[in-house]
Each structure stands twice: as structure tokens, then as C-alpha cells.
N, C-alpha and C. Protein backbone atom coordinates (compact mmCIF):
# COMPACT_ATOMS: atom_id res chain seq x y z
N MET A 1 8.87 15.00 -27.79
CA MET A 1 9.10 13.69 -27.23
C MET A 1 7.88 13.26 -26.42
N ALA A 2 7.40 12.07 -26.67
CA ALA A 2 6.24 11.55 -25.94
C ALA A 2 6.64 11.11 -24.55
N ILE A 3 5.77 11.34 -23.60
CA ILE A 3 6.00 10.92 -22.23
C ILE A 3 5.07 9.76 -21.92
N ASP A 4 5.63 8.66 -21.42
CA ASP A 4 4.80 7.53 -21.04
C ASP A 4 3.90 7.92 -19.89
N LYS A 5 2.63 7.59 -20.00
CA LYS A 5 1.68 7.91 -18.94
C LYS A 5 1.47 6.73 -18.00
N PHE A 6 1.99 5.58 -18.36
CA PHE A 6 1.81 4.38 -17.55
C PHE A 6 3.18 3.81 -17.20
N VAL A 7 3.28 3.27 -16.00
CA VAL A 7 4.51 2.61 -15.56
C VAL A 7 4.13 1.27 -14.95
N THR A 8 5.10 0.41 -14.79
CA THR A 8 4.84 -0.88 -14.14
C THR A 8 4.57 -0.66 -12.66
N ALA A 9 3.97 -1.65 -12.04
CA ALA A 9 3.73 -1.58 -10.60
C ALA A 9 5.05 -1.44 -9.85
N GLU A 10 6.08 -2.15 -10.31
CA GLU A 10 7.39 -2.09 -9.66
C GLU A 10 7.98 -0.68 -9.75
N ALA A 11 7.84 -0.03 -10.91
CA ALA A 11 8.36 1.34 -11.08
C ALA A 11 7.59 2.31 -10.20
N ALA A 12 6.29 2.09 -10.08
CA ALA A 12 5.48 2.99 -9.24
C ALA A 12 5.86 2.87 -7.77
N VAL A 13 6.01 1.65 -7.26
CA VAL A 13 6.32 1.49 -5.83
C VAL A 13 7.77 1.85 -5.52
N ALA A 14 8.62 1.88 -6.52
CA ALA A 14 10.00 2.32 -6.30
C ALA A 14 10.05 3.78 -5.90
N LEU A 15 8.99 4.52 -6.17
CA LEU A 15 8.92 5.94 -5.80
C LEU A 15 8.55 6.15 -4.34
N ILE A 16 8.11 5.10 -3.66
CA ILE A 16 7.70 5.21 -2.26
C ILE A 16 8.94 5.11 -1.37
N ALA A 17 9.14 6.15 -0.56
CA ALA A 17 10.31 6.21 0.32
C ALA A 17 9.92 5.82 1.75
N ASP A 18 10.91 5.49 2.56
CA ASP A 18 10.68 5.23 3.97
C ASP A 18 9.98 6.43 4.59
N GLY A 19 8.96 6.17 5.42
CA GLY A 19 8.26 7.22 6.13
C GLY A 19 7.18 7.93 5.33
N ASP A 20 6.97 7.54 4.08
CA ASP A 20 5.94 8.18 3.25
C ASP A 20 4.54 7.81 3.75
N THR A 21 3.58 8.59 3.29
CA THR A 21 2.16 8.31 3.53
C THR A 21 1.58 7.76 2.23
N VAL A 22 0.88 6.63 2.34
CA VAL A 22 0.30 5.96 1.18
C VAL A 22 -1.21 5.90 1.40
N ALA A 23 -1.98 6.37 0.44
CA ALA A 23 -3.44 6.30 0.50
C ALA A 23 -3.92 5.18 -0.41
N LEU A 24 -4.76 4.31 0.13
CA LEU A 24 -5.28 3.17 -0.62
C LEU A 24 -6.75 3.38 -0.92
N ILE A 25 -7.17 2.88 -2.07
CA ILE A 25 -8.58 2.95 -2.43
C ILE A 25 -9.10 1.54 -2.62
N GLY A 26 -10.40 1.40 -2.58
CA GLY A 26 -11.01 0.11 -2.83
C GLY A 26 -12.38 0.04 -2.20
N GLY A 27 -13.13 -0.93 -2.62
CA GLY A 27 -14.48 -1.08 -2.12
C GLY A 27 -14.64 -2.23 -1.15
N GLY A 28 -13.56 -2.85 -0.77
CA GLY A 28 -13.63 -3.98 0.14
C GLY A 28 -13.87 -5.28 -0.61
N GLY A 29 -13.33 -6.34 -0.12
CA GLY A 29 -13.53 -7.65 -0.73
C GLY A 29 -12.94 -7.79 -2.12
N GLY A 30 -11.94 -6.96 -2.44
CA GLY A 30 -11.29 -7.05 -3.73
C GLY A 30 -11.88 -6.19 -4.82
N LEU A 31 -12.88 -5.39 -4.49
CA LEU A 31 -13.52 -4.55 -5.49
C LEU A 31 -12.74 -3.25 -5.67
N CYS A 32 -12.35 -2.98 -6.88
CA CYS A 32 -11.66 -1.72 -7.24
C CYS A 32 -10.40 -1.47 -6.41
N GLU A 33 -9.70 -2.52 -6.04
CA GLU A 33 -8.45 -2.37 -5.29
C GLU A 33 -7.27 -2.41 -6.25
N ALA A 34 -6.25 -1.67 -5.92
CA ALA A 34 -5.02 -1.67 -6.72
C ALA A 34 -4.14 -2.85 -6.28
N THR A 35 -4.66 -4.04 -6.46
CA THR A 35 -4.03 -5.26 -5.96
C THR A 35 -2.59 -5.41 -6.44
N CYS A 36 -2.34 -5.09 -7.72
CA CYS A 36 -0.98 -5.26 -8.24
C CYS A 36 -0.01 -4.31 -7.53
N LEU A 37 -0.47 -3.13 -7.13
CA LEU A 37 0.40 -2.21 -6.40
C LEU A 37 0.63 -2.67 -4.97
N HIS A 38 -0.42 -3.14 -4.31
CA HIS A 38 -0.27 -3.66 -2.95
C HIS A 38 0.73 -4.81 -2.94
N GLU A 39 0.58 -5.71 -3.91
CA GLU A 39 1.48 -6.85 -4.01
C GLU A 39 2.92 -6.41 -4.27
N ALA A 40 3.10 -5.41 -5.13
CA ALA A 40 4.45 -4.93 -5.44
C ALA A 40 5.10 -4.25 -4.24
N ILE A 41 4.31 -3.54 -3.44
CA ILE A 41 4.86 -2.91 -2.23
C ILE A 41 5.31 -4.00 -1.26
N GLU A 42 4.46 -5.00 -1.05
CA GLU A 42 4.82 -6.10 -0.14
C GLU A 42 6.07 -6.83 -0.64
N ARG A 43 6.10 -7.14 -1.93
CA ARG A 43 7.25 -7.87 -2.50
C ARG A 43 8.54 -7.07 -2.31
N ARG A 44 8.49 -5.75 -2.59
CA ARG A 44 9.68 -4.91 -2.42
C ARG A 44 10.13 -4.91 -0.97
N PHE A 45 9.17 -4.81 -0.05
CA PHE A 45 9.53 -4.80 1.37
C PHE A 45 10.17 -6.12 1.78
N LEU A 46 9.60 -7.24 1.36
CA LEU A 46 10.14 -8.55 1.73
C LEU A 46 11.53 -8.79 1.15
N GLU A 47 11.79 -8.20 -0.02
CA GLU A 47 13.10 -8.38 -0.67
C GLU A 47 14.15 -7.41 -0.15
N THR A 48 13.76 -6.19 0.23
CA THR A 48 14.73 -5.14 0.56
C THR A 48 14.57 -4.52 1.94
N SER A 49 13.49 -4.85 2.64
CA SER A 49 13.11 -4.23 3.92
C SER A 49 12.77 -2.75 3.76
N HIS A 50 12.39 -2.34 2.57
CA HIS A 50 11.96 -0.96 2.29
C HIS A 50 10.78 -1.02 1.34
N PRO A 51 9.85 -0.08 1.46
CA PRO A 51 9.82 1.07 2.34
C PRO A 51 9.40 0.68 3.76
N ARG A 52 9.94 1.40 4.73
CA ARG A 52 9.67 1.16 6.16
C ARG A 52 8.92 2.34 6.74
N GLY A 53 8.23 2.13 7.84
CA GLY A 53 7.60 3.21 8.58
C GLY A 53 6.55 3.98 7.81
N LEU A 54 5.80 3.28 6.98
CA LEU A 54 4.76 3.96 6.20
C LEU A 54 3.56 4.33 7.06
N THR A 55 2.89 5.40 6.70
CA THR A 55 1.58 5.71 7.23
C THR A 55 0.60 5.36 6.13
N VAL A 56 -0.34 4.49 6.43
CA VAL A 56 -1.30 4.02 5.42
C VAL A 56 -2.68 4.58 5.75
N ILE A 57 -3.28 5.22 4.77
CA ILE A 57 -4.61 5.79 4.92
C ILE A 57 -5.56 5.03 4.00
N HIS A 58 -6.68 4.62 4.56
CA HIS A 58 -7.73 3.99 3.73
C HIS A 58 -9.06 4.23 4.41
N SER A 59 -10.11 4.25 3.62
CA SER A 59 -11.42 4.62 4.15
C SER A 59 -12.21 3.46 4.72
N LEU A 60 -11.84 2.25 4.38
CA LEU A 60 -12.52 1.09 4.92
C LEU A 60 -11.60 -0.11 4.83
N GLY A 61 -11.98 -1.17 5.50
CA GLY A 61 -11.14 -2.36 5.51
C GLY A 61 -11.12 -3.02 4.15
N ILE A 62 -10.01 -2.94 3.46
CA ILE A 62 -9.93 -3.54 2.14
C ILE A 62 -9.17 -4.86 2.21
N GLY A 63 -9.54 -5.78 1.37
CA GLY A 63 -8.87 -7.07 1.32
C GLY A 63 -9.83 -8.22 1.50
N ASP A 64 -9.26 -9.39 1.59
CA ASP A 64 -10.06 -10.61 1.71
C ASP A 64 -9.91 -11.28 3.06
N ARG A 65 -9.29 -10.60 4.01
CA ARG A 65 -9.04 -11.12 5.36
C ARG A 65 -8.08 -12.31 5.36
N LYS A 66 -7.32 -12.46 4.28
CA LYS A 66 -6.35 -13.54 4.19
C LYS A 66 -5.00 -12.99 3.74
N SER A 67 -4.89 -12.72 2.44
CA SER A 67 -3.58 -12.30 1.93
C SER A 67 -3.64 -11.06 1.04
N ARG A 68 -4.79 -10.49 0.83
CA ARG A 68 -4.92 -9.33 -0.06
C ARG A 68 -5.22 -8.06 0.73
N GLY A 69 -5.22 -6.94 0.02
CA GLY A 69 -5.58 -5.66 0.63
C GLY A 69 -4.63 -5.26 1.74
N MET A 70 -5.17 -4.83 2.87
CA MET A 70 -4.36 -4.36 4.00
C MET A 70 -3.46 -5.44 4.57
N ASN A 71 -3.80 -6.70 4.36
CA ASN A 71 -2.96 -7.79 4.88
C ASN A 71 -1.56 -7.74 4.29
N ARG A 72 -1.41 -7.20 3.10
CA ARG A 72 -0.08 -7.08 2.48
C ARG A 72 0.82 -6.10 3.23
N PHE A 73 0.22 -5.25 4.04
CA PHE A 73 0.98 -4.25 4.79
C PHE A 73 1.27 -4.72 6.22
N ALA A 74 0.92 -5.95 6.54
CA ALA A 74 1.08 -6.48 7.90
C ALA A 74 2.44 -7.14 8.08
N GLN A 75 3.48 -6.45 7.65
CA GLN A 75 4.85 -6.92 7.82
C GLN A 75 5.53 -6.06 8.89
N GLU A 76 6.20 -6.68 9.82
CA GLU A 76 6.83 -5.94 10.91
C GLU A 76 7.78 -4.87 10.37
N GLY A 77 7.54 -3.62 10.78
CA GLY A 77 8.39 -2.51 10.39
C GLY A 77 7.92 -1.78 9.14
N MET A 78 6.99 -2.36 8.42
CA MET A 78 6.53 -1.73 7.19
C MET A 78 5.64 -0.52 7.45
N VAL A 79 4.79 -0.60 8.46
CA VAL A 79 3.82 0.46 8.74
C VAL A 79 4.00 0.94 10.17
N ASN A 80 3.86 2.25 10.35
CA ASN A 80 3.88 2.83 11.69
C ASN A 80 2.63 2.40 12.44
N PHE A 81 2.79 1.93 13.65
CA PHE A 81 1.65 1.57 14.49
C PHE A 81 1.78 2.31 15.81
N PRO A 82 0.76 2.74 16.48
CA PRO A 82 -0.59 2.74 15.92
C PRO A 82 -0.82 4.00 15.09
N GLN A 83 -1.44 3.86 14.00
CA GLN A 83 -1.82 4.98 13.14
C GLN A 83 -3.31 4.92 12.86
N ILE A 84 -4.09 4.65 13.87
CA ILE A 84 -5.54 4.55 13.69
C ILE A 84 -6.15 5.88 14.12
N ARG A 85 -6.80 6.52 13.18
CA ARG A 85 -7.44 7.79 13.46
C ARG A 85 -8.82 7.80 12.84
N PHE A 86 -9.75 8.41 13.53
CA PHE A 86 -11.10 8.52 13.01
C PHE A 86 -11.43 9.98 12.83
N TYR A 87 -12.00 10.30 11.71
CA TYR A 87 -12.39 11.68 11.43
C TYR A 87 -13.88 11.72 11.13
N LEU A 88 -14.57 12.59 11.79
CA LEU A 88 -15.99 12.79 11.53
C LEU A 88 -16.12 14.08 10.75
N ILE A 89 -16.85 14.01 9.67
CA ILE A 89 -17.02 15.19 8.83
C ILE A 89 -18.48 15.63 8.89
């Protein structure tokens, strides 16, 4: 039996539970960002109030400073605050 290797954005974000840690990638300004996943997470939260209390990890400020990237996670209760940590390697 073949196993599907791809799922919809909605199916992927349905796997995110309250309190999970989510790592985001991207190059800033919309470059190489998983925009469809960010949008699906925001849409699910606005419709169901879940997932809540996420810890979000990203290496740089991603988005367009308006409605994309990290701005999609700026919903009250969606992300644990403050979760700002700096690591020097």
C-alpha cells in the first residue's frame, strides 16, 4: 500500500496540539517561508481557539511587518509570552 508523502496545510496543522513547540523557517520578507502553513495555523486558531499556548522558535524576524510571517501568530492566547531567548553558539 502506498503512503501519501504530502498532506494539505489544514491536515498538517491539525497535528499541532495546545502547548506544542513550533519551529518556523524563512529568510525574511517572504523568502522561503511556509506561508500556507502559517495561514492555516492562524485560520484554525481564529475558528476554534486552538492551538493555544504555543512556543514558537524562529531564527530571524520573518514576515512582511503587516499580515504575514510571525504576524499570523499575534493572536491573544495563541503563543506563550514572553518566550524570547537568545542563544550564542
